[in-house]
Amino acid sequence: MTPTEQLIEVITFSYEHSTWVTWLVMFMGVFQSVRGFGIAFRDNKTYADMKANPDKTGIAQFYTGIVASILTVVIFFLPYLIQ
């Protein structure tokens, strides 16, 4: 089995075994990611601007967006991981 076929199998399995709770948590994760990146880039155009800004809200929201994105992907693949 090729890596592409394995990936398709994992995605299909996770999609078929997701419950409404999984989709709700994934929606909240995507929402938090978009919100975090939106707040981070509202006043700061680049990552360097976020680091240089004395108000650390932008950099904190940037990292919040990254963590929420990673957790959303993990939540999607959770049914496959616990099988």
PDB file of N, CA and C in Angstrom:
ATOM      1  N   MET A   1       0.854  -1.175   0.000  1.00  0.00           N
ATOM      2  CA  MET A   1       0.000   0.000   0.000  1.00  0.00           C
ATOM      3  C   MET A   1       0.902   1.241   0.000  1.00  0.00           C
ATOM      4  N   THR A   2       0.636   2.160  -0.904  1.00  0.00           N
ATOM      5  CA  THR A   2       1.451   3.371  -1.007  1.00  0.00           C
ATOM      6  C   THR A   2       1.067   4.362   0.093  1.00  0.00           C
ATOM      7  N   PRO A   3       1.939   5.301   0.399  1.00  0.00           N
ATOM      8  CA  PRO A   3       1.604   6.309   1.419  1.00  0.00           C
ATOM      9  C   PRO A   3       0.344   7.111   1.075  1.00  0.00           C
ATOM     10  N   THR A   4       0.126   7.372  -0.208  1.00  0.00           N
ATOM     11  CA  THR A   4      -1.075   8.110  -0.609  1.00  0.00           C
ATOM     12  C   THR A   4      -2.325   7.298  -0.313  1.00  0.00           C
ATOM     13  N   GLU A   5      -2.284   6.001  -0.596  1.00  0.00           N
ATOM     14  CA  GLU A   5      -3.432   5.135  -0.309  1.00  0.00           C
ATOM     15  C   GLU A   5      -3.676   5.039   1.190  1.00  0.00           C
ATOM     16  N   GLN A   6      -2.605   4.979   1.972  1.00  0.00           N
ATOM     17  CA  GLN A   6      -2.745   4.939   3.426  1.00  0.00           C
ATOM     18  C   GLN A   6      -3.386   6.223   3.945  1.00  0.00           C
ATOM     19  N   LEU A   7      -2.950   7.355   3.419  1.00  0.00           N
ATOM     20  CA  LEU A   7      -3.512   8.637   3.840  1.00  0.00           C
ATOM     21  C   LEU A   7      -4.996   8.716   3.498  1.00  0.00           C
ATOM     22  N   ILE A   8      -5.358   8.269   2.313  1.00  0.00           N
ATOM     23  CA  ILE A   8      -6.772   8.269   1.917  1.00  0.00           C
ATOM     24  C   ILE A   8      -7.577   7.365   2.840  1.00  0.00           C
ATOM     25  N   GLU A   9      -7.027   6.208   3.204  1.00  0.00           N
ATOM     26  CA  GLU A   9      -7.714   5.292   4.113  1.00  0.00           C
ATOM     27  C   GLU A   9      -7.907   5.921   5.495  1.00  0.00           C
ATOM     28  N   VAL A  10      -6.875   6.594   5.994  1.00  0.00           N
ATOM     29  CA  VAL A  10      -6.955   7.238   7.314  1.00  0.00           C
ATOM     30  C   VAL A  10      -7.995   8.347   7.302  1.00  0.00           C
ATOM     31  N   ILE A  11      -7.992   9.180   6.271  1.00  0.00           N
ATOM     32  CA  ILE A  11      -8.960  10.279   6.180  1.00  0.00           C
ATOM     33  C   ILE A  11     -10.375   9.734   6.070  1.00  0.00           C
ATOM     34  N   THR A  12     -10.570   8.705   5.249  1.00  0.00           N
ATOM     35  CA  THR A  12     -11.897   8.108   5.087  1.00  0.00           C
ATOM     36  C   THR A  12     -12.378   7.499   6.396  1.00  0.00           C
ATOM     37  N   PHE A  13     -11.504   6.768   7.081  1.00  0.00           N
ATOM     38  CA  PHE A  13     -11.883   6.156   8.353  1.00  0.00           C
ATOM     39  C   PHE A  13     -12.272   7.225   9.373  1.00  0.00           C
ATOM     40  N   SER A  14     -11.456   8.262   9.482  1.00  0.00           N
ATOM     41  CA  SER A  14     -11.742   9.320  10.457  1.00  0.00           C
ATOM     42  C   SER A  14     -13.041  10.037  10.129  1.00  0.00           C
ATOM     43  N   TYR A  15     -13.287  10.291   8.848  1.00  0.00           N
ATOM     44  CA  TYR A  15     -14.516  10.970   8.437  1.00  0.00           C
ATOM     45  C   TYR A  15     -15.742  10.114   8.752  1.00  0.00           C
ATOM     46  N   GLU A  16     -15.672   8.826   8.468  1.00  0.00           N
ATOM     47  CA  GLU A  16     -16.818   7.940   8.673  1.00  0.00           C
ATOM     48  C   GLU A  16     -17.109   7.685  10.147  1.00  0.00           C
ATOM     49  N   HIS A  17     -16.125   7.785  11.001  1.00  0.00           N
ATOM     50  CA  HIS A  17     -16.318   7.483  12.417  1.00  0.00           C
ATOM     51  C   HIS A  17     -16.413   8.728  13.298  1.00  0.00           C
ATOM     52  N   SER A  18     -16.505   9.884  12.688  1.00  0.00           N
ATOM     53  CA  SER A  18     -16.652  11.116  13.469  1.00  0.00           C
ATOM     54  C   SER A  18     -18.105  11.281  13.900  1.00  0.00           C
ATOM     55  N   THR A  19     -18.294  11.697  15.137  1.00  0.00           N
ATOM     56  CA  THR A  19     -19.639  11.944  15.655  1.00  0.00           C
ATOM     57  C   THR A  19     -19.919  13.444  15.616  1.00  0.00           C
ATOM     58  N   TRP A  20     -21.127  13.811  16.019  1.00  0.00           N
ATOM     59  CA  TRP A  20     -21.480  15.232  16.022  1.00  0.00           C
ATOM     60  C   TRP A  20     -20.619  15.994  17.023  1.00  0.00           C
ATOM     61  N   VAL A  21     -20.188  15.328  18.083  1.00  0.00           N
ATOM     62  CA  VAL A  21     -19.324  15.985  19.066  1.00  0.00           C
ATOM     63  C   VAL A  21     -17.959  16.292  18.435  1.00  0.00           C
ATOM     64  N   THR A  22     -17.452  15.348  17.649  1.00  0.00           N
ATOM     65  CA  THR A  22     -16.181  15.572  16.956  1.00  0.00           C
ATOM     66  C   THR A  22     -16.280  16.774  16.038  1.00  0.00           C
ATOM     67  N   TRP A  23     -17.379  16.854  15.272  1.00  0.00           N
ATOM     68  CA  TRP A  23     -17.548  17.974  14.339  1.00  0.00           C
ATOM     69  C   TRP A  23     -17.714  19.290  15.093  1.00  0.00           C
ATOM     70  N   LEU A  24     -18.397  19.260  16.235  1.00  0.00           N
ATOM     71  CA  LEU A  24     -18.564  20.470  17.035  1.00  0.00           C
ATOM     72  C   LEU A  24     -17.218  20.967  17.560  1.00  0.00           C
ATOM     73  N   VAL A  25     -16.417  20.062  18.090  1.00  0.00           N
ATOM     74  CA  VAL A  25     -15.102  20.438  18.614  1.00  0.00           C
ATOM     75  C   VAL A  25     -14.201  20.923  17.481  1.00  0.00           C
ATOM     76  N   MET A  26     -14.292  20.282  16.316  1.00  0.00           N
ATOM     77  CA  MET A  26     -13.489  20.732  15.174  1.00  0.00           C
ATOM     78  C   MET A  26     -13.928  22.118  14.712  1.00  0.00           C
ATOM     79  N   PHE A  27     -15.228  22.377  14.699  1.00  0.00           N
ATOM     80  CA  PHE A  27     -15.711  23.705  14.324  1.00  0.00           C
ATOM     81  C   PHE A  27     -15.182  24.757  15.291  1.00  0.00           C
ATOM     82  N   MET A  28     -15.225  24.452  16.592  1.00  0.00           N
ATOM     83  CA  MET A  28     -14.718  25.401  17.578  1.00  0.00           C
ATOM     84  C   MET A  28     -13.216  25.624  17.401  1.00  0.00           C
ATOM     85  N   GLY A  29     -12.477  24.570  17.057  1.00  0.00           N
ATOM     86  CA  GLY A  29     -11.044  24.714  16.817  1.00  0.00           C
ATOM     87  C   GLY A  29     -10.739  25.571  15.606  1.00  0.00           C
ATOM     88  N   VAL A  30     -11.486  25.353  14.524  1.00  0.00           N
ATOM     89  CA  VAL A  30     -11.289  26.170  13.320  1.00  0.00           C
ATOM     90  C   VAL A  30     -11.657  27.621  13.607  1.00  0.00           C
ATOM     91  N   PHE A  31     -12.761  27.821  14.321  1.00  0.00           N
ATOM     92  CA  PHE A  31     -13.183  29.179  14.671  1.00  0.00           C
ATOM     93  C   PHE A  31     -12.112  29.883  15.495  1.00  0.00           C
ATOM     94  N   GLN A  32     -11.569  29.178  16.485  1.00  0.00           N
ATOM     95  CA  GLN A  32     -10.539  29.776  17.340  1.00  0.00           C
ATOM     96  C   GLN A  32      -9.268  30.067  16.549  1.00  0.00           C
ATOM     97  N   SER A  33      -8.929  29.201  15.604  1.00  0.00           N
ATOM     98  CA  SER A  33      -7.749  29.438  14.759  1.00  0.00           C
ATOM     99  C   SER A  33      -7.918  30.697  13.924  1.00  0.00           C
ATOM    100  N   VAL A  34      -9.055  30.794  13.251  1.00  0.00           N
ATOM    101  CA  VAL A  34      -9.312  31.956  12.397  1.00  0.00           C
ATOM    102  C   VAL A  34      -9.361  33.225  13.233  1.00  0.00           C
ATOM    103  N   ARG A  35     -10.011  33.146  14.386  1.00  0.00           N
ATOM    104  CA  ARG A  35     -10.105  34.302  15.280  1.00  0.00           C
ATOM    105  C   ARG A  35      -8.722  34.730  15.769  1.00  0.00           C
ATOM    106  N   GLY A  36      -7.911  33.747  16.175  1.00  0.00           N
ATOM    107  CA  GLY A  36      -6.568  34.051  16.670  1.00  0.00           C
ATOM    108  C   GLY A  36      -5.695  34.702  15.613  1.00  0.00           C
ATOM    109  N   PHE A  37      -5.710  34.145  14.402  1.00  0.00           N
ATOM    110  CA  PHE A  37      -4.907  34.738  13.326  1.00  0.00           C
ATOM    111  C   PHE A  37      -5.448  36.106  12.923  1.00  0.00           C
ATOM    112  N   GLY A  38      -6.764  36.265  12.964  1.00  0.00           N
ATOM    113  CA  GLY A  38      -7.353  37.567  12.635  1.00  0.00           C
ATOM    114  C   GLY A  38      -6.927  38.649  13.606  1.00  0.00           C
ATOM    115  N   ILE A  39      -6.967  38.332  14.897  1.00  0.00           N
ATOM    116  CA  ILE A  39      -6.539  39.297  15.912  1.00  0.00           C
ATOM    117  C   ILE A  39      -5.037  39.559  15.797  1.00  0.00           C
ATOM    118  N   ALA A  40      -4.271  38.508  15.537  1.00  0.00           N
ATOM    119  CA  ALA A  40      -2.811  38.657  15.454  1.00  0.00           C
ATOM    120  C   ALA A  40      -2.399  39.577  14.318  1.00  0.00           C
ATOM    121  N   PHE A  41      -3.055  39.457  13.177  1.00  0.00           N
ATOM    122  CA  PHE A  41      -2.646  40.233  12.008  1.00  0.00           C
ATOM    123  C   PHE A  41      -3.462  41.508  11.811  1.00  0.00           C
ATOM    124  N   ARG A  42      -4.341  41.829  12.744  1.00  0.00           N
ATOM    125  CA  ARG A  42      -5.126  43.059  12.626  1.00  0.00           C
ATOM    126  C   ARG A  42      -4.227  44.289  12.706  1.00  0.00           C
ATOM    127  N   ASP A  43      -3.371  44.341  13.703  1.00  0.00           N
ATOM    128  CA  ASP A  43      -2.508  45.509  13.912  1.00  0.00           C
ATOM    129  C   ASP A  43      -1.067  45.267  13.475  1.00  0.00           C
ATOM    130  N   ASN A  44      -0.703  44.024  13.250  1.00  0.00           N
ATOM    131  CA  ASN A  44       0.677  43.673  12.901  1.00  0.00           C
ATOM    132  C   ASN A  44       0.681  42.999  11.536  1.00  0.00           C
ATOM    133  N   LYS A  45       1.485  43.516  10.641  1.00  0.00           N
ATOM    134  CA  LYS A  45       1.509  42.971   9.280  1.00  0.00           C
ATOM    135  C   LYS A  45       2.444  41.776   9.143  1.00  0.00           C
ATOM    136  N   THR A  46       3.454  41.680  10.002  1.00  0.00           N
ATOM    137  CA  THR A  46       4.406  40.574   9.916  1.00  0.00           C
ATOM    138  C   THR A  46       4.663  40.010  11.311  1.00  0.00           C
ATOM    139  N   TYR A  47       5.311  38.849  11.331  1.00  0.00           N
ATOM    140  CA  TYR A  47       5.679  38.231  12.595  1.00  0.00           C
ATOM    141  C   TYR A  47       6.679  39.103  13.352  1.00  0.00           C
ATOM    142  N   ALA A  48       7.586  39.739  12.624  1.00  0.00           N
ATOM    143  CA  ALA A  48       8.568  40.630  13.262  1.00  0.00           C
ATOM    144  C   ALA A  48       7.871  41.809  13.942  1.00  0.00           C
ATOM    145  N   ASP A  49       6.810  42.325  13.315  1.00  0.00           N
ATOM    146  CA  ASP A  49       6.042  43.408  13.938  1.00  0.00           C
ATOM    147  C   ASP A  49       5.394  42.938  15.233  1.00  0.00           C
ATOM    148  N   MET A  50       4.898  41.696  15.243  1.00  0.00           N
ATOM    149  CA  MET A  50       4.278  41.155  16.459  1.00  0.00           C
ATOM    150  C   MET A  50       5.293  41.051  17.584  1.00  0.00           C
ATOM    151  N   LYS A  51       6.484  40.563  17.260  1.00  0.00           N
ATOM    152  CA  LYS A  51       7.522  40.416  18.287  1.00  0.00           C
ATOM    153  C   LYS A  51       7.996  41.766  18.802  1.00  0.00           C
ATOM    154  N   ALA A  52       8.040  42.777  17.930  1.00  0.00           N
ATOM    155  CA  ALA A  52       8.530  44.098  18.326  1.00  0.00           C
ATOM    156  C   ALA A  52       7.483  44.915  19.073  1.00  0.00           C
ATOM    157  N   ASN A  53       6.225  44.584  18.911  1.00  0.00           N
ATOM    158  CA  ASN A  53       5.143  45.334  19.536  1.00  0.00           C
ATOM    159  C   ASN A  53       5.168  45.105  21.053  1.00  0.00           C
ATOM    160  N   PRO A  54       5.153  46.181  21.863  1.00  0.00           N
ATOM    161  CA  PRO A  54       5.164  45.995  23.322  1.00  0.00           C
ATOM    162  C   PRO A  54       3.885  45.334  23.838  1.00  0.00           C
ATOM    163  N   ASP A  55       2.789  45.505  23.118  1.00  0.00           N
ATOM    164  CA  ASP A  55       1.549  44.812  23.468  1.00  0.00           C
ATOM    165  C   ASP A  55       1.628  43.408  22.871  1.00  0.00           C
ATOM    166  N   LYS A  56       1.718  42.412  23.702  1.00  0.00           N
ATOM    167  CA  LYS A  56       1.960  41.041  23.244  1.00  0.00           C
ATOM    168  C   LYS A  56       0.681  40.293  22.863  1.00  0.00           C
ATOM    169  N   THR A  57      -0.425  41.007  22.693  1.00  0.00           N
ATOM    170  CA  THR A  57      -1.677  40.361  22.306  1.00  0.00           C
ATOM    171  C   THR A  57      -1.550  39.699  20.941  1.00  0.00           C
ATOM    172  N   GLY A  58      -0.909  40.371  19.997  1.00  0.00           N
ATOM    173  CA  GLY A  58      -0.774  39.828  18.646  1.00  0.00           C
ATOM    174  C   GLY A  58      -0.002  38.525  18.618  1.00  0.00           C
ATOM    175  N   ILE A  59       1.132  38.487  19.286  1.00  0.00           N
ATOM    176  CA  ILE A  59       1.958  37.275  19.281  1.00  0.00           C
ATOM    177  C   ILE A  59       1.266  36.150  20.039  1.00  0.00           C
ATOM    178  N   ALA A  60       0.564  36.490  21.118  1.00  0.00           N
ATOM    179  CA  ALA A  60      -0.164  35.474  21.878  1.00  0.00           C
ATOM    180  C   ALA A  60      -1.285  34.870  21.039  1.00  0.00           C
ATOM    181  N   GLN A  61      -2.012  35.708  20.322  1.00  0.00           N
ATOM    182  CA  GLN A  61      -3.092  35.203  19.476  1.00  0.00           C
ATOM    183  C   GLN A  61      -2.546  34.422  18.281  1.00  0.00           C
ATOM    184  N   PHE A  62      -1.381  34.801  17.786  1.00  0.00           N
ATOM    185  CA  PHE A  62      -0.743  34.060  16.697  1.00  0.00           C
ATOM    186  C   PHE A  62      -0.449  32.629  17.144  1.00  0.00           C
ATOM    187  N   TYR A  63       0.148  32.481  18.322  1.00  0.00           N
ATOM    188  CA  TYR A  63       0.446  31.142  18.834  1.00  0.00           C
ATOM    189  C   TYR A  63      -0.828  30.391  19.199  1.00  0.00           C
ATOM    190  N   THR A  64      -1.849  31.102  19.659  1.00  0.00           N
ATOM    191  CA  THR A  64      -3.140  30.466  19.920  1.00  0.00           C
ATOM    192  C   THR A  64      -3.711  29.884  18.634  1.00  0.00           C
ATOM    193  N   GLY A  65      -3.599  30.620  17.545  1.00  0.00           N
ATOM    194  CA  GLY A  65      -4.070  30.126  16.249  1.00  0.00           C
ATOM    195  C   GLY A  65      -3.322  28.889  15.799  1.00  0.00           C
ATOM    196  N   ILE A  66      -2.016  28.866  16.011  1.00  0.00           N
ATOM    197  CA  ILE A  66      -1.217  27.699  15.630  1.00  0.00           C
ATOM    198  C   ILE A  66      -1.612  26.478  16.454  1.00  0.00           C
ATOM    199  N   VAL A  67      -1.708  26.644  17.766  1.00  0.00           N
ATOM    200  CA  VAL A  67      -2.064  25.527  18.643  1.00  0.00           C
ATOM    201  C   VAL A  67      -3.467  25.021  18.326  1.00  0.00           C
ATOM    202  N   ALA A  68      -4.414  25.922  18.117  1.00  0.00           N
ATOM    203  CA  ALA A  68      -5.782  25.511  17.789  1.00  0.00           C
ATOM    204  C   ALA A  68      -5.825  24.762  16.461  1.00  0.00           C
ATOM    205  N   SER A  69      -5.028  25.176  15.497  1.00  0.00           N
ATOM    206  CA  SER A  69      -4.973  24.482  14.206  1.00  0.00           C
ATOM    207  C   SER A  69      -4.442  23.064  14.363  1.00  0.00           C
ATOM    208  N   ILE A  70      -3.380  22.922  15.118  1.00  0.00           N
ATOM    209  CA  ILE A  70      -2.792  21.596  15.337  1.00  0.00           C
ATOM    210  C   ILE A  70      -3.769  20.695  16.079  1.00  0.00           C
ATOM    211  N   LEU A  71      -4.411  21.221  17.111  1.00  0.00           N
ATOM    212  CA  LEU A  71      -5.377  20.419  17.862  1.00  0.00           C
ATOM    213  C   LEU A  71      -6.571  20.018  17.008  1.00  0.00           C
ATOM    214  N   THR A  72      -6.996  20.879  16.098  1.00  0.00           N
ATOM    215  CA  THR A  72      -8.109  20.549  15.214  1.00  0.00           C
ATOM    216  C   THR A  72      -7.748  19.372  14.314  1.00  0.00           C
ATOM    217  N   VAL A  73      -6.543  19.357  13.795  1.00  0.00           N
ATOM    218  CA  VAL A  73      -6.103  18.230  12.960  1.00  0.00           C
ATOM    219  C   VAL A  73      -6.024  16.952  13.791  1.00  0.00           C
ATOM    220  N   VAL A  74      -5.501  17.038  14.999  1.00  0.00           N
ATOM    221  CA  VAL A  74      -5.418  15.863  15.875  1.00  0.00           C
ATOM    222  C   VAL A  74      -6.813  15.346  16.205  1.00  0.00           C
ATOM    223  N   ILE A  75      -7.757  16.243  16.480  1.00  0.00           N
ATOM    224  CA  ILE A  75      -9.131  15.835  16.791  1.00  0.00           C
ATOM    225  C   ILE A  75      -9.743  15.095  15.605  1.00  0.00           C
ATOM    226  N   PHE A  76      -9.479  15.574  14.376  1.00  0.00           N
ATOM    227  CA  PHE A  76     -10.036  14.903  13.201  1.00  0.00           C
ATOM    228  C   PHE A  76      -9.515  13.475  13.084  1.00  0.00           C
ATOM    229  N   PHE A  77      -8.231  13.264  13.352  1.00  0.00           N
ATOM    230  CA  PHE A  77      -7.643  11.934  13.211  1.00  0.00           C
ATOM    231  C   PHE A  77      -7.769  11.088  14.477  1.00  0.00           C
ATOM    232  N   LEU A  78      -8.386  11.600  15.515  1.00  0.00           N
ATOM    233  CA  LEU A  78      -8.526  10.871  16.771  1.00  0.00           C
ATOM    234  C   LEU A  78      -9.240   9.527  16.621  1.00  0.00           C
ATOM    235  N   PRO A  79     -10.340   9.419  15.862  1.00  0.00           N
ATOM    236  CA  PRO A  79     -10.966   8.093  15.715  1.00  0.00           C
ATOM    237  C   PRO A  79     -10.007   7.043  15.157  1.00  0.00           C
ATOM    238  N   TYR A  80      -9.161   7.437  14.224  1.00  0.00           N
ATOM    239  CA  TYR A  80      -8.194   6.486  13.664  1.00  0.00           C
ATOM    240  C   TYR A  80      -7.114   6.151  14.689  1.00  0.00           C
ATOM    241  N   LEU A  81      -6.698   7.132  15.462  1.00  0.00           N
ATOM    242  CA  LEU A  81      -5.623   6.911  16.426  1.00  0.00           C
ATOM    243  C   LEU A  81      -6.038   6.002  17.572  1.00  0.00           C
ATOM    244  N   ILE A  82      -7.317   6.020  17.955  1.00  0.00           N
ATOM    245  CA  ILE A  82      -7.759   5.207  19.096  1.00  0.00           C
ATOM    246  C   ILE A  82      -8.404   3.895  18.684  1.00  0.00           C
ATOM    247  N   GLN A  83      -8.420   3.599  17.391  1.00  0.00           N
ATOM    248  CA  GLN A  83      -9.044   2.333  16.957  1.00  0.00           C
ATOM    249  C   GLN A  83      -8.298   1.130  17.465  1.00  0.00           C
TER     250      GLN A  83
END
